[in-house]
Amino acid sequence: MERYLFVTHTDCADPSREDEFNYWYNNIHVPDMLETPGMISATRWENVHPRDNNRRKYIALYELETDDVEKFDEILKEMGRKSKERGRLSDLIVLDPPDVPRIIYRQVMPTKKQ
């Protein structure tokens, strides 16, 4: 089975509600994402040097394992639709524009640790 990294770039639509956004992302959205078969871990990062022209303030990195990345991507989209139907998506999330392709990287070297 191959390992992949799924990358998302996000912002909070209302900076005055950023704590609420981060709570939702960490405690609702990430656990929902980890229910996707093949998803093995998730982490989020904040840009420490934000500038007006930067892509997004936050990134989320999801590690996954699958034999069929295209099928996984379809399952992930379906999980997103179900989350929306269940009312578990936040009105605060700002994603990359819809025409930006999903960013999924295939691992080419195992993780090295010091």
PDB file of N, CA and C in Angstrom:
ATOM      1  N   MET A   1       0.842  -1.176   0.000  1.00  0.00           N
ATOM      2  CA  MET A   1       0.000   0.000   0.000  1.00  0.00           C
ATOM      3  C   MET A   1       0.888   1.240   0.000  1.00  0.00           C
ATOM      4  N   GLU A   2       0.531   2.202  -0.816  1.00  0.00           N
ATOM      5  CA  GLU A   2       1.334   3.430  -0.873  1.00  0.00           C
ATOM      6  C   GLU A   2       0.820   4.455   0.129  1.00  0.00           C
ATOM      7  N   ARG A   3       1.721   5.328   0.533  1.00  0.00           N
ATOM      8  CA  ARG A   3       1.388   6.389   1.479  1.00  0.00           C
ATOM      9  C   ARG A   3       1.334   7.714   0.722  1.00  0.00           C
ATOM     10  N   TYR A   4       0.369   8.556   1.130  1.00  0.00           N
ATOM     11  CA  TYR A   4       0.146   9.853   0.497  1.00  0.00           C
ATOM     12  C   TYR A   4      -0.027  10.925   1.557  1.00  0.00           C
ATOM     13  N   LEU A   5       0.110  12.165   1.121  1.00  0.00           N
ATOM     14  CA  LEU A   5      -0.128  13.327   1.966  1.00  0.00           C
ATOM     15  C   LEU A   5      -1.161  14.195   1.257  1.00  0.00           C
ATOM     16  N   PHE A   6      -2.266  14.449   1.931  1.00  0.00           N
ATOM     17  CA  PHE A   6      -3.332  15.314   1.416  1.00  0.00           C
ATOM     18  C   PHE A   6      -3.177  16.661   2.105  1.00  0.00           C
ATOM     19  N   VAL A   7      -3.062  17.741   1.333  1.00  0.00           N
ATOM     20  CA  VAL A   7      -2.777  19.073   1.856  1.00  0.00           C
ATOM     21  C   VAL A   7      -3.953  20.004   1.566  1.00  0.00           C
ATOM     22  N   THR A   8      -4.418  20.713   2.602  1.00  0.00           N
ATOM     23  CA  THR A   8      -5.440  21.740   2.395  1.00  0.00           C
ATOM     24  C   THR A   8      -4.947  23.054   2.977  1.00  0.00           C
ATOM     25  N   HIS A   9      -5.300  24.141   2.317  1.00  0.00           N
ATOM     26  CA  HIS A   9      -4.955  25.491   2.763  1.00  0.00           C
ATOM     27  C   HIS A   9      -6.252  26.192   3.133  1.00  0.00           C
ATOM     28  N   THR A  10      -6.324  26.773   4.336  1.00  0.00           N
ATOM     29  CA  THR A  10      -7.558  27.405   4.783  1.00  0.00           C
ATOM     30  C   THR A  10      -7.302  28.720   5.504  1.00  0.00           C
ATOM     31  N   ASP A  11      -8.361  29.502   5.593  1.00  0.00           N
ATOM     32  CA  ASP A  11      -8.406  30.710   6.401  1.00  0.00           C
ATOM     33  C   ASP A  11      -9.714  30.715   7.180  1.00  0.00           C
ATOM     34  N   CYS A  12      -9.786  31.580   8.161  1.00  0.00           N
ATOM     35  CA  CYS A  12     -11.015  31.828   8.907  1.00  0.00           C
ATOM     36  C   CYS A  12     -11.688  33.045   8.273  1.00  0.00           C
ATOM     37  N   ALA A  13     -12.960  32.911   7.936  1.00  0.00           N
ATOM     38  CA  ALA A  13     -13.690  33.997   7.267  1.00  0.00           C
ATOM     39  C   ALA A  13     -13.869  35.224   8.156  1.00  0.00           C
ATOM     40  N   ASP A  14     -13.858  35.035   9.474  1.00  0.00           N
ATOM     41  CA  ASP A  14     -14.072  36.144  10.401  1.00  0.00           C
ATOM     42  C   ASP A  14     -12.990  36.095  11.481  1.00  0.00           C
ATOM     43  N   PRO A  15     -11.955  36.914  11.356  1.00  0.00           N
ATOM     44  CA  PRO A  15     -10.851  36.881  12.329  1.00  0.00           C
ATOM     45  C   PRO A  15     -11.299  37.042  13.788  1.00  0.00           C
ATOM     46  N   SER A  16     -12.410  37.697  14.040  1.00  0.00           N
ATOM     47  CA  SER A  16     -12.886  37.849  15.415  1.00  0.00           C
ATOM     48  C   SER A  16     -13.426  36.533  15.975  1.00  0.00           C
ATOM     49  N   ARG A  17     -13.628  35.521  15.111  1.00  0.00           N
ATOM     50  CA  ARG A  17     -14.134  34.207  15.533  1.00  0.00           C
ATOM     51  C   ARG A  17     -13.096  33.102  15.299  1.00  0.00           C
ATOM     52  N   GLU A  18     -11.837  33.493  15.255  1.00  0.00           N
ATOM     53  CA  GLU A  18     -10.778  32.533  14.943  1.00  0.00           C
ATOM     54  C   GLU A  18     -10.672  31.409  15.977  1.00  0.00           C
ATOM     55  N   ASP A  19     -10.899  31.698  17.247  1.00  0.00           N
ATOM     56  CA  ASP A  19     -10.879  30.636  18.261  1.00  0.00           C
ATOM     57  C   ASP A  19     -11.966  29.602  17.979  1.00  0.00           C
ATOM     58  N   GLU A  20     -13.148  30.084  17.622  1.00  0.00           N
ATOM     59  CA  GLU A  20     -14.259  29.186  17.272  1.00  0.00           C
ATOM     60  C   GLU A  20     -13.892  28.333  16.044  1.00  0.00           C
ATOM     61  N   PHE A  21     -13.295  28.973  15.040  1.00  0.00           N
ATOM     62  CA  PHE A  21     -12.873  28.266  13.828  1.00  0.00           C
ATOM     63  C   PHE A  21     -11.875  27.165  14.166  1.00  0.00           C
ATOM     64  N   ASN A  22     -10.862  27.500  14.956  1.00  0.00           N
ATOM     65  CA  ASN A  22      -9.849  26.506  15.298  1.00  0.00           C
ATOM     66  C   ASN A  22     -10.426  25.383  16.156  1.00  0.00           C
ATOM     67  N   TYR A  23     -11.342  25.714  17.051  1.00  0.00           N
ATOM     68  CA  TYR A  23     -12.006  24.669  17.839  1.00  0.00           C
ATOM     69  C   TYR A  23     -12.756  23.718  16.910  1.00  0.00           C
ATOM     70  N   TRP A  24     -13.564  24.285  15.991  1.00  0.00           N
ATOM     71  CA  TRP A  24     -14.315  23.457  15.037  1.00  0.00           C
ATOM     72  C   TRP A  24     -13.357  22.586  14.218  1.00  0.00           C
ATOM     73  N   TYR A  25     -12.316  23.186  13.682  1.00  0.00           N
ATOM     74  CA  TYR A  25     -11.405  22.445  12.808  1.00  0.00           C
ATOM     75  C   TYR A  25     -10.754  21.288  13.560  1.00  0.00           C
ATOM     76  N   ASN A  26     -10.230  21.572  14.761  1.00  0.00           N
ATOM     77  CA  ASN A  26      -9.485  20.573  15.529  1.00  0.00           C
ATOM     78  C   ASN A  26     -10.372  19.501  16.145  1.00  0.00           C
ATOM     79  N   ASN A  27     -11.586  19.862  16.578  1.00  0.00           N
ATOM     80  CA  ASN A  27     -12.411  18.954  17.364  1.00  0.00           C
ATOM     81  C   ASN A  27     -13.609  18.366  16.633  1.00  0.00           C
ATOM     82  N   ILE A  28     -13.953  18.919  15.484  1.00  0.00           N
ATOM     83  CA  ILE A  28     -15.074  18.386  14.699  1.00  0.00           C
ATOM     84  C   ILE A  28     -14.591  17.926  13.325  1.00  0.00           C
ATOM     85  N   HIS A  29     -13.968  18.840  12.590  1.00  0.00           N
ATOM     86  CA  HIS A  29     -13.591  18.521  11.209  1.00  0.00           C
ATOM     87  C   HIS A  29     -12.505  17.445  11.124  1.00  0.00           C
ATOM     88  N   VAL A  30     -11.423  17.607  11.859  1.00  0.00           N
ATOM     89  CA  VAL A  30     -10.341  16.613  11.791  1.00  0.00           C
ATOM     90  C   VAL A  30     -10.837  15.226  12.211  1.00  0.00           C
ATOM     91  N   PRO A  31     -11.582  15.075  13.329  1.00  0.00           N
ATOM     92  CA  PRO A  31     -12.103  13.734  13.642  1.00  0.00           C
ATOM     93  C   PRO A  31     -13.006  13.167  12.537  1.00  0.00           C
ATOM     94  N   ASP A  32     -13.815  14.032  11.908  1.00  0.00           N
ATOM     95  CA  ASP A  32     -14.632  13.563  10.787  1.00  0.00           C
ATOM     96  C   ASP A  32     -13.745  13.064   9.643  1.00  0.00           C
ATOM     97  N   MET A  33     -12.696  13.822   9.336  1.00  0.00           N
ATOM     98  CA  MET A  33     -11.776  13.419   8.259  1.00  0.00           C
ATOM     99  C   MET A  33     -11.103  12.084   8.577  1.00  0.00           C
ATOM    100  N   LEU A  34     -10.752  11.884   9.851  1.00  0.00           N
ATOM    101  CA  LEU A  34     -10.064  10.649  10.238  1.00  0.00           C
ATOM    102  C   LEU A  34     -10.969   9.422  10.174  1.00  0.00           C
ATOM    103  N   GLU A  35     -12.276   9.618   9.978  1.00  0.00           N
ATOM    104  CA  GLU A  35     -13.193   8.497   9.765  1.00  0.00           C
ATOM    105  C   GLU A  35     -13.096   7.946   8.344  1.00  0.00           C
ATOM    106  N   THR A  36     -12.437   8.667   7.449  1.00  0.00           N
ATOM    107  CA  THR A  36     -12.279   8.216   6.070  1.00  0.00           C
ATOM    108  C   THR A  36     -11.374   6.987   6.045  1.00  0.00           C
ATOM    109  N   PRO A  37     -11.844   5.873   5.476  1.00  0.00           N
ATOM    110  CA  PRO A  37     -10.997   4.675   5.415  1.00  0.00           C
ATOM    111  C   PRO A  37      -9.667   4.976   4.716  1.00  0.00           C
ATOM    112  N   GLY A  38      -8.572   4.607   5.357  1.00  0.00           N
ATOM    113  CA  GLY A  38      -7.238   4.851   4.809  1.00  0.00           C
ATOM    114  C   GLY A  38      -6.546   6.057   5.405  1.00  0.00           C
ATOM    115  N   MET A  39      -7.323   6.966   6.033  1.00  0.00           N
ATOM    116  CA  MET A  39      -6.733   8.154   6.654  1.00  0.00           C
ATOM    117  C   MET A  39      -6.065   7.708   7.955  1.00  0.00           C
ATOM    118  N   ILE A  40      -4.779   8.049   8.125  1.00  0.00           N
ATOM    119  CA  ILE A  40      -4.062   7.545   9.301  1.00  0.00           C
ATOM    120  C   ILE A  40      -3.621   8.638  10.278  1.00  0.00           C
ATOM    121  N   SER A  41      -3.507   9.882   9.841  1.00  0.00           N
ATOM    122  CA  SER A  41      -3.144  10.939  10.781  1.00  0.00           C
ATOM    123  C   SER A  41      -3.483  12.302  10.195  1.00  0.00           C
ATOM    124  N   ALA A  42      -3.534  13.291  11.090  1.00  0.00           N
ATOM    125  CA  ALA A  42      -3.809  14.662  10.667  1.00  0.00           C
ATOM    126  C   ALA A  42      -3.068  15.621  11.586  1.00  0.00           C
ATOM    127  N   THR A  43      -2.639  16.736  11.024  1.00  0.00           N
ATOM    128  CA  THR A  43      -2.023  17.802  11.799  1.00  0.00           C
ATOM    129  C   THR A  43      -2.315  19.123  11.102  1.00  0.00           C
ATOM    130  N   ARG A  44      -2.293  20.213  11.861  1.00  0.00           N
ATOM    131  CA  ARG A  44      -2.518  21.549  11.297  1.00  0.00           C
ATOM    132  C   ARG A  44      -1.356  22.448  11.661  1.00  0.00           C
ATOM    133  N   TRP A  45      -1.131  23.438  10.800  1.00  0.00           N
ATOM    134  CA  TRP A  45      -0.026  24.369  10.986  1.00  0.00           C
ATOM    135  C   TRP A  45      -0.520  25.787  10.679  1.00  0.00           C
ATOM    136  N   GLU A  46       0.068  26.750  11.384  1.00  0.00           N
ATOM    137  CA  GLU A  46      -0.261  28.156  11.180  1.00  0.00           C
ATOM    138  C   GLU A  46       0.964  28.890  10.653  1.00  0.00           C
ATOM    139  N   ASN A  47       0.770  29.726   9.665  1.00  0.00           N
ATOM    140  CA  ASN A  47       1.835  30.541   9.095  1.00  0.00           C
ATOM    141  C   ASN A  47       2.267  31.576  10.140  1.00  0.00           C
ATOM    142  N   VAL A  48       3.536  31.559  10.517  1.00  0.00           N
ATOM    143  CA  VAL A  48       4.024  32.495  11.538  1.00  0.00           C
ATOM    144  C   VAL A  48       4.442  33.843  10.949  1.00  0.00           C
ATOM    145  N   HIS A  49       4.525  33.931   9.635  1.00  0.00           N
ATOM    146  CA  HIS A  49       4.861  35.184   8.968  1.00  0.00           C
ATOM    147  C   HIS A  49       3.813  35.499   7.897  1.00  0.00           C
ATOM    148  N   PRO A  50       2.563  35.676   8.302  1.00  0.00           N
ATOM    149  CA  PRO A  50       1.537  35.933   7.282  1.00  0.00           C
ATOM    150  C   PRO A  50       1.740  37.292   6.616  1.00  0.00           C
ATOM    151  N   ARG A  51       1.439  37.320   5.354  1.00  0.00           N
ATOM    152  CA  ARG A  51       1.470  38.561   4.572  1.00  0.00           C
ATOM    153  C   ARG A  51       0.180  38.608   3.767  1.00  0.00           C
ATOM    154  N   ASP A  52      -0.195  39.785   3.347  1.00  0.00           N
ATOM    155  CA  ASP A  52      -1.457  39.942   2.624  1.00  0.00           C
ATOM    156  C   ASP A  52      -1.547  39.059   1.382  1.00  0.00           C
ATOM    157  N   ASN A  53      -0.441  38.806   0.718  1.00  0.00           N
ATOM    158  CA  ASN A  53      -0.474  38.047  -0.526  1.00  0.00           C
ATOM    159  C   ASN A  53      -0.209  36.556  -0.352  1.00  0.00           C
ATOM    160  N   ASN A  54      -0.048  36.097   0.898  1.00  0.00           N
ATOM    161  CA  ASN A  54       0.182  34.665   1.105  1.00  0.00           C
ATOM    162  C   ASN A  54      -1.064  33.879   0.754  1.00  0.00           C
ATOM    163  N   ARG A  55      -0.855  32.610   0.490  1.00  0.00           N
ATOM    164  CA  ARG A  55      -1.947  31.754   0.050  1.00  0.00           C
ATOM    165  C   ARG A  55      -3.043  31.662   1.102  1.00  0.00           C
ATOM    166  N   ARG A  56      -2.771  31.086   2.224  1.00  0.00           N
ATOM    167  CA  ARG A  56      -3.718  30.948   3.328  1.00  0.00           C
ATOM    168  C   ARG A  56      -2.937  30.951   4.636  1.00  0.00           C
ATOM    169  N   LYS A  57      -3.620  31.247   5.748  1.00  0.00           N
ATOM    170  CA  LYS A  57      -2.965  31.302   7.052  1.00  0.00           C
ATOM    171  C   LYS A  57      -2.672  29.907   7.603  1.00  0.00           C
ATOM    172  N   TYR A  58      -3.553  28.938   7.317  1.00  0.00           N
ATOM    173  CA  TYR A  58      -3.421  27.594   7.878  1.00  0.00           C
ATOM    174  C   TYR A  58      -3.258  26.544   6.788  1.00  0.00           C
ATOM    175  N   ILE A  59      -2.541  25.482   7.142  1.00  0.00           N
ATOM    176  CA  ILE A  59      -2.552  24.284   6.304  1.00  0.00           C
ATOM    177  C   ILE A  59      -2.886  23.099   7.208  1.00  0.00           C
ATOM    178  N   ALA A  60      -3.517  22.128   6.607  1.00  0.00           N
ATOM    179  CA  ALA A  60      -3.763  20.852   7.288  1.00  0.00           C
ATOM    180  C   ALA A  60      -3.116  19.773   6.446  1.00  0.00           C
ATOM    181  N   LEU A  61      -2.430  18.859   7.113  1.00  0.00           N
ATOM    182  CA  LEU A  61      -1.738  17.760   6.443  1.00  0.00           C
ATOM    183  C   LEU A  61      -2.348  16.456   6.938  1.00  0.00           C
ATOM    184  N   TYR A  62      -2.838  15.666   5.999  1.00  0.00           N
ATOM    185  CA  TYR A  62      -3.459  14.391   6.328  1.00  0.00           C
ATOM    186  C   TYR A  62      -2.650  13.280   5.671  1.00  0.00           C
ATOM    187  N   GLU A  63      -2.170  12.326   6.463  1.00  0.00           N
ATOM    188  CA  GLU A  63      -1.472  11.167   5.915  1.00  0.00           C
ATOM    189  C   GLU A  63      -2.491  10.071   5.650  1.00  0.00           C
ATOM    190  N   LEU A  64      -2.313   9.390   4.526  1.00  0.00           N
ATOM    191  CA  LEU A  64      -3.220   8.314   4.178  1.00  0.00           C
ATOM    192  C   LEU A  64      -2.474   7.197   3.490  1.00  0.00           C
ATOM    193  N   GLU A  65      -3.060   6.023   3.527  1.00  0.00           N
ATOM    194  CA  GLU A  65      -2.528   4.861   2.816  1.00  0.00           C
ATOM    195  C   GLU A  65      -3.636   4.276   1.967  1.00  0.00           C
ATOM    196  N   THR A  66      -3.308   3.962   0.721  1.00  0.00           N
ATOM    197  CA  THR A  66      -4.287   3.384  -0.190  1.00  0.00           C
ATOM    198  C   THR A  66      -3.574   2.723  -1.365  1.00  0.00           C
ATOM    199  N   ASP A  67      -4.262   1.776  -1.963  1.00  0.00           N
ATOM    200  CA  ASP A  67      -3.782   1.169  -3.207  1.00  0.00           C
ATOM    201  C   ASP A  67      -4.356   1.897  -4.419  1.00  0.00           C
ATOM    202  N   ASP A  68      -5.382   2.737  -4.195  1.00  0.00           N
ATOM    203  CA  ASP A  68      -6.061   3.426  -5.290  1.00  0.00           C
ATOM    204  C   ASP A  68      -6.373   4.859  -4.872  1.00  0.00           C
ATOM    205  N   VAL A  69      -5.476   5.781  -5.189  1.00  0.00           N
ATOM    206  CA  VAL A  69      -5.625   7.171  -4.748  1.00  0.00           C
ATOM    207  C   VAL A  69      -6.854   7.829  -5.371  1.00  0.00           C
ATOM    208  N   GLU A  70      -7.211   7.455  -6.592  1.00  0.00           N
ATOM    209  CA  GLU A  70      -8.394   8.046  -7.234  1.00  0.00           C
ATOM    210  C   GLU A  70      -9.664   7.625  -6.499  1.00  0.00           C
ATOM    211  N   LYS A  71      -9.752   6.357  -6.125  1.00  0.00           N
ATOM    212  CA  LYS A  71     -10.907   5.872  -5.368  1.00  0.00           C
ATOM    213  C   LYS A  71     -10.946   6.545  -3.995  1.00  0.00           C
ATOM    214  N   PHE A  72      -9.795   6.670  -3.354  1.00  0.00           N
ATOM    215  CA  PHE A  72      -9.726   7.351  -2.065  1.00  0.00           C
ATOM    216  C   PHE A  72     -10.253   8.774  -2.196  1.00  0.00           C
ATOM    217  N   ASP A  73      -9.846   9.480  -3.235  1.00  0.00           N
ATOM    218  CA  ASP A  73     -10.272  10.856  -3.445  1.00  0.00           C
ATOM    219  C   ASP A  73     -11.792  10.931  -3.589  1.00  0.00           C
ATOM    220  N   GLU A  74     -12.379   9.980  -4.292  1.00  0.00           N
ATOM    221  CA  GLU A  74     -13.835   9.945  -4.439  1.00  0.00           C
ATOM    222  C   GLU A  74     -14.513   9.703  -3.091  1.00  0.00           C
ATOM    223  N   ILE A  75     -13.961   8.795  -2.288  1.00  0.00           N
ATOM    224  CA  ILE A  75     -14.505   8.530  -0.956  1.00  0.00           C
ATOM    225  C   ILE A  75     -14.389   9.784  -0.096  1.00  0.00           C
ATOM    226  N   LEU A  76     -13.265  10.471  -0.178  1.00  0.00           N
ATOM    227  CA  LEU A  76     -13.055  11.698   0.588  1.00  0.00           C
ATOM    228  C   LEU A  76     -14.092  12.755   0.205  1.00  0.00           C
ATOM    229  N   LYS A  77     -14.361  12.901  -1.081  1.00  0.00           N
ATOM    230  CA  LYS A  77     -15.387  13.859  -1.533  1.00  0.00           C
ATOM    231  C   LYS A  77     -16.755  13.471  -0.977  1.00  0.00           C
ATOM    232  N   GLU A  78     -17.056  12.186  -0.971  1.00  0.00           N
ATOM    233  CA  GLU A  78     -18.338  11.710  -0.441  1.00  0.00           C
ATOM    234  C   GLU A  78     -18.436  11.987   1.068  1.00  0.00           C
ATOM    235  N   MET A  79     -17.340  11.768   1.788  1.00  0.00           N
ATOM    236  CA  MET A  79     -17.323  12.062   3.227  1.00  0.00           C
ATOM    237  C   MET A  79     -17.586  13.557   3.450  1.00  0.00           C
ATOM    238  N   GLY A  80     -17.028  14.401   2.603  1.00  0.00           N
ATOM    239  CA  GLY A  80     -17.268  15.842   2.701  1.00  0.00           C
ATOM    240  C   GLY A  80     -18.727  16.192   2.465  1.00  0.00           C
ATOM    241  N   ARG A  81     -19.346  15.550   1.472  1.00  0.00           N
ATOM    242  CA  ARG A  81     -20.769  15.782   1.208  1.00  0.00           C
ATOM    243  C   ARG A  81     -21.614  15.365   2.414  1.00  0.00           C
ATOM    244  N   LYS A  82     -21.272  14.221   3.006  1.00  0.00           N
ATOM    245  CA  LYS A  82     -22.028  13.740   4.171  1.00  0.00           C
ATOM    246  C   LYS A  82     -21.866  14.681   5.362  1.00  0.00           C
ATOM    247  N   SER A  83     -20.657  15.193   5.568  1.00  0.00           N
ATOM    248  CA  SER A  83     -20.441  16.153   6.652  1.00  0.00           C
ATOM    249  C   SER A  83     -21.305  17.391   6.454  1.00  0.00           C
ATOM    250  N   LYS A  84     -21.370  17.854   5.219  1.00  0.00           N
ATOM    251  CA  LYS A  84     -22.190  19.032   4.916  1.00  0.00           C
ATOM    252  C   LYS A  84     -23.665  18.738   5.182  1.00  0.00           C
ATOM    253  N   GLU A  85     -24.135  17.575   4.741  1.00  0.00           N
ATOM    254  CA  GLU A  85     -25.531  17.194   4.957  1.00  0.00           C
ATOM    255  C   GLU A  85     -25.855  17.081   6.442  1.00  0.00           C
ATOM    256  N   ARG A  86     -24.904  16.646   7.253  1.00  0.00           N
ATOM    257  CA  ARG A  86     -25.108  16.492   8.695  1.00  0.00           C
ATOM    258  C   ARG A  86     -24.928  17.817   9.441  1.00  0.00           C
ATOM    259  N   GLY A  87     -24.631  18.892   8.719  1.00  0.00           N
ATOM    260  CA  GLY A  87     -24.462  20.195   9.345  1.00  0.00           C
ATOM    261  C   GLY A  87     -23.163  20.326  10.123  1.00  0.00           C
ATOM    262  N   ARG A  88     -22.140  19.580   9.720  1.00  0.00           N
ATOM    263  CA  ARG A  88     -20.883  19.578  10.469  1.00  0.00           C
ATOM    264  C   ARG A  88     -19.799  20.437   9.808  1.00  0.00           C
ATOM    265  N   LEU A  89     -20.140  21.185   8.777  1.00  0.00           N
ATOM    266  CA  LEU A  89     -19.176  22.112   8.181  1.00  0.00           C
ATOM    267  C   LEU A  89     -19.400  23.499   8.776  1.00  0.00           C
ATOM    268  N   SER A  90     -18.355  24.250   8.905  1.00  0.00           N
ATOM    269  CA  SER A  90     -18.422  25.583   9.487  1.00  0.00           C
ATOM    270  C   SER A  90     -18.581  26.639   8.401  1.00  0.00           C
ATOM    271  N   ASP A  91     -19.345  27.679   8.732  1.00  0.00           N
ATOM    272  CA  ASP A  91     -19.466  28.817   7.815  1.00  0.00           C
ATOM    273  C   ASP A  91     -18.218  29.694   7.853  1.00  0.00           C
ATOM    274  N   LEU A  92     -17.282  29.365   8.735  1.00  0.00           N
ATOM    275  CA  LEU A  92     -16.068  30.175   8.882  1.00  0.00           C
ATOM    276  C   LEU A  92     -14.932  29.728   7.975  1.00  0.00           C
ATOM    277  N   ILE A  93     -15.034  28.546   7.380  1.00  0.00           N
ATOM    278  CA  ILE A  93     -13.905  28.024   6.605  1.00  0.00           C
ATOM    279  C   ILE A  93     -13.836  28.670   5.226  1.00  0.00           C
ATOM    280  N   VAL A  94     -12.643  29.141   4.898  1.00  0.00           N
ATOM    281  CA  VAL A  94     -12.354  29.669   3.569  1.00  0.00           C
ATOM    282  C   VAL A  94     -11.304  28.743   2.976  1.00  0.00           C
ATOM    283  N   LEU A  95     -11.671  28.071   1.882  1.00  0.00           N
ATOM    284  CA  LEU A  95     -10.760  27.142   1.212  1.00  0.00           C
ATOM    285  C   LEU A  95     -10.182  27.799  -0.022  1.00  0.00           C
ATOM    286  N   ASP A  96      -9.244  27.102  -0.624  1.00  0.00           N
ATOM    287  CA  ASP A  96      -8.764  27.548  -1.925  1.00  0.00           C
ATOM    288  C   ASP A  96      -9.949  27.620  -2.874  1.00  0.00           C
ATOM    289  N   PRO A  97      -9.874  28.444  -3.896  1.00  0.00           N
ATOM    290  CA  PRO A  97     -10.996  28.497  -4.852  1.00  0.00           C
ATOM    291  C   PRO A  97     -11.314  27.112  -5.389  1.00  0.00           C
ATOM    292  N   PRO A  98     -12.581  26.874  -5.772  1.00  0.00           N
ATOM    293  CA  PRO A  98     -12.994  25.546  -6.218  1.00  0.00           C
ATOM    294  C   PRO A  98     -12.236  25.020  -7.438  1.00  0.00           C
ATOM    295  N   ASP A  99     -11.667  25.898  -8.251  1.00  0.00           N
ATOM    296  CA  ASP A  99     -10.956  25.432  -9.438  1.00  0.00           C
ATOM    297  C   ASP A  99      -9.527  24.983  -9.151  1.00  0.00           C
ATOM    298  N   VAL A 100      -9.082  25.119  -7.888  1.00  0.00           N
ATOM    299  CA  VAL A 100      -7.755  24.638  -7.529  1.00  0.00           C
ATOM    300  C   VAL A 100      -7.848  23.130  -7.304  1.00  0.00           C
ATOM    301  N   PRO A 101      -7.005  22.352  -7.995  1.00  0.00           N
ATOM    302  CA  PRO A 101      -7.102  20.893  -7.824  1.00  0.00           C
ATOM    303  C   PRO A 101      -6.729  20.470  -6.412  1.00  0.00           C
ATOM    304  N   ARG A 102      -7.277  19.330  -5.999  1.00  0.00           N
ATOM    305  CA  ARG A 102      -6.907  18.774  -4.706  1.00  0.00           C
ATOM    306  C   ARG A 102      -5.407  18.493  -4.742  1.00  0.00           C
ATOM    307  N   ILE A 103      -4.753  18.693  -3.614  1.00  0.00           N
ATOM    308  CA  ILE A 103      -3.312  18.497  -3.571  1.00  0.00           C
ATOM    309  C   ILE A 103      -3.036  17.223  -2.788  1.00  0.00           C
ATOM    310  N   ILE A 104      -2.660  16.170  -3.501  1.00  0.00           N
ATOM    311  CA  ILE A 104      -2.318  14.896  -2.882  1.00  0.00           C
ATOM    312  C   ILE A 104      -0.947  14.498  -3.403  1.00  0.00           C
ATOM    313  N   TYR A 105      -0.033  14.282  -2.476  1.00  0.00           N
ATOM    314  CA  TYR A 105       1.333  13.915  -2.822  1.00  0.00           C
ATOM    315  C   TYR A 105       1.574  12.449  -2.466  1.00  0.00           C
ATOM    316  N   ARG A 106       2.307  11.751  -3.325  1.00  0.00           N
ATOM    317  CA  ARG A 106       2.716  10.372  -3.056  1.00  0.00           C
ATOM    318  C   ARG A 106       4.063  10.400  -2.356  1.00  0.00           C
ATOM    319  N   GLN A 107       4.192   9.605  -1.291  1.00  0.00           N
ATOM    320  CA  GLN A 107       5.455   9.568  -0.546  1.00  0.00           C
ATOM    321  C   GLN A 107       6.519   8.886  -1.391  1.00  0.00           C
ATOM    322  N   VAL A 108       7.683   9.494  -1.495  1.00  0.00           N
ATOM    323  CA  VAL A 108       8.793   8.924  -2.261  1.00  0.00           C
ATOM    324  C   VAL A 108       9.989   8.585  -1.383  1.00  0.00           C
ATOM    325  N   MET A 109       9.915   8.972  -0.100  1.00  0.00           N
ATOM    326  CA  MET A 109      10.967   8.645   0.865  1.00  0.00           C
ATOM    327  C   MET A 109      10.314   8.505   2.232  1.00  0.00           C
ATOM    328  N   PRO A 110      10.633   7.463   2.971  1.00  0.00           N
ATOM    329  CA  PRO A 110      10.070   7.330   4.317  1.00  0.00           C
ATOM    330  C   PRO A 110      10.492   8.495   5.222  1.00  0.00           C
ATOM    331  N   THR A 111       9.710   8.739   6.247  1.00  0.00           N
ATOM    332  CA  THR A 111      10.018   9.793   7.210  1.00  0.00           C
ATOM    333  C   THR A 111      11.341   9.462   7.910  1.00  0.00           C
ATOM    334  N   LYS A 112      12.209  10.453   7.980  1.00  0.00           N
ATOM    335  CA  LYS A 112      13.481  10.299   8.709  1.00  0.00           C
ATOM    336  C   LYS A 112      13.362  11.089  10.001  1.00  0.00           C
ATOM    337  N   LYS A 113      13.889  10.541  11.056  1.00  0.00           N
ATOM    338  CA  LYS A 113      13.855  11.208  12.353  1.00  0.00           C
ATOM    339  C   LYS A 113      15.261  11.307  12.899  1.00  0.00           C
ATOM    340  N   GLN A 114      15.490  12.351  13.638  1.00  0.00           N
ATOM    341  CA  GLN A 114      16.812  12.587  14.226  1.00  0.00           C
ATOM    342  C   GLN A 114      17.005  11.692  15.412  1.00  0.00           C
TER     343      GLN A 114
END
